[in-house]
Protein backbone atom coordinates (compact mmCIF):
# COMPACT_ATOMS: atom_id res chain seq x y z
CA UNK A 1 9.70 0.18 -2.87
CA UNK A 2 8.37 -3.36 -3.57
CA UNK A 3 4.67 -3.76 -2.70
CA UNK A 4 4.29 -5.71 0.60
CA UNK A 5 1.70 -8.44 0.80
CA UNK A 6 0.35 -7.73 4.30
CA UNK A 7 -1.96 -10.70 4.23
CA UNK A 8 1.00 -12.98 3.77
CA UNK A 9 2.95 -11.86 6.76
CA UNK A 10 2.02 -11.85 10.42
CA UNK A 11 3.77 -9.96 13.19
CA UNK A 12 3.92 -11.80 16.48
CA UNK A 13 5.57 -11.24 19.89
CA UNK A 14 6.96 -14.33 21.54
CA UNK A 15 9.70 -14.96 24.12
CA UNK A 16 10.29 -11.19 24.33
CA UNK A 17 11.00 -10.87 20.65
CA UNK A 18 9.02 -9.72 17.61
CA UNK A 19 8.77 -12.17 14.76
CA UNK A 20 7.65 -11.51 11.15
CA UNK A 21 6.18 -14.84 9.94
CA UNK A 22 5.50 -15.88 6.37
CA UNK A 23 2.09 -17.54 6.57
CA UNK A 24 2.03 -18.88 2.96
CA UNK A 25 4.80 -21.41 3.24
CA UNK A 26 4.31 -24.82 1.58
CA UNK A 27 6.62 -27.61 0.83
CA UNK A 28 10.04 -28.50 2.22
CA UNK A 29 11.74 -25.08 2.02
CA UNK A 30 10.76 -23.58 5.40
CA UNK A 31 11.35 -19.88 5.70
CA UNK A 32 12.61 -18.97 9.19
CA UNK A 33 10.64 -16.06 10.72
CA UNK A 34 12.36 -12.69 10.55
CA UNK A 35 13.24 -11.37 14.00
CA UNK A 36 12.51 -7.63 14.50
CA UNK A 37 13.51 -5.29 17.30
CA UNK A 38 11.02 -2.86 18.79
CA UNK A 39 11.72 -0.23 16.20
CA UNK A 40 11.36 -2.77 13.35
CA UNK A 41 7.94 -3.91 14.79
CA UNK A 42 6.83 -0.31 14.95
CA UNK A 43 7.90 0.32 11.34
CA UNK A 44 5.97 -2.79 10.33
CA UNK A 45 2.79 -1.60 12.02
CA UNK A 46 3.11 1.90 10.44
CA UNK A 47 3.46 0.23 7.00
CA UNK A 48 0.47 -1.91 7.77
CA UNK A 49 -1.52 1.24 8.77
CA UNK A 50 -0.76 2.71 5.26
CA UNK A 51 1.74 5.42 6.37
CA UNK A 52 4.14 6.78 3.78
CA UNK A 53 7.82 6.67 4.42
CA UNK A 54 7.79 10.40 4.91
CA UNK A 55 5.04 10.04 7.51
CA UNK A 56 6.88 7.31 9.28
CA UNK A 57 10.14 9.36 9.27
CA UNK A 58 8.39 12.39 10.79
CA UNK A 59 6.49 10.45 13.49
CA UNK A 60 9.54 8.39 14.52
CA UNK A 61 11.75 11.53 14.49
CA UNK A 62 9.38 13.14 16.99
CA UNK A 63 8.95 10.08 19.11
CA UNK A 64 12.69 9.28 19.38
CA UNK A 65 14.10 12.88 19.32
CA UNK A 66 16.40 12.23 16.34
CA UNK A 67 16.57 13.90 12.93
CA UNK A 68 14.27 12.90 10.14
CA UNK A 69 17.26 12.03 8.04
CA UNK A 70 18.63 9.59 10.61
CA UNK A 71 15.23 7.95 10.91
CA UNK A 72 14.84 7.81 7.17
CA UNK A 73 18.21 5.93 6.99
CA UNK A 74 16.87 3.33 9.48
CA UNK A 75 13.62 3.01 7.52
CA UNK A 76 15.52 2.52 4.25
CA UNK A 77 17.72 -0.29 5.92
CA UNK A 78 14.53 -1.89 7.29
CA UNK A 79 12.91 -1.89 3.87
CA UNK A 80 16.04 -3.38 2.29
CA UNK A 81 16.00 -6.15 4.90
CA UNK A 82 12.33 -6.83 4.13
CA UNK A 83 12.99 -6.99 0.41
CA UNK A 84 15.53 -9.74 1.06
CA UNK A 85 13.05 -11.73 3.21
């Protein structure tokens, strides 16, 4: 997993949506904020708190009542989306 620069990105809730904002933009090429759902925002907070993928998988599995494998798949998709942002 690519190291995430948590000082660069800011999670905000506005208009009923979560937005991940790149705070180090300069110049003409504006990067549109990344819209996250509730689960994406929760994953972001867990990453910010220093949780490992395994810890995140276990915690979310218990919270949502689904298998660790299913949650792990969601986390992997989320991390892939982040790597493209």
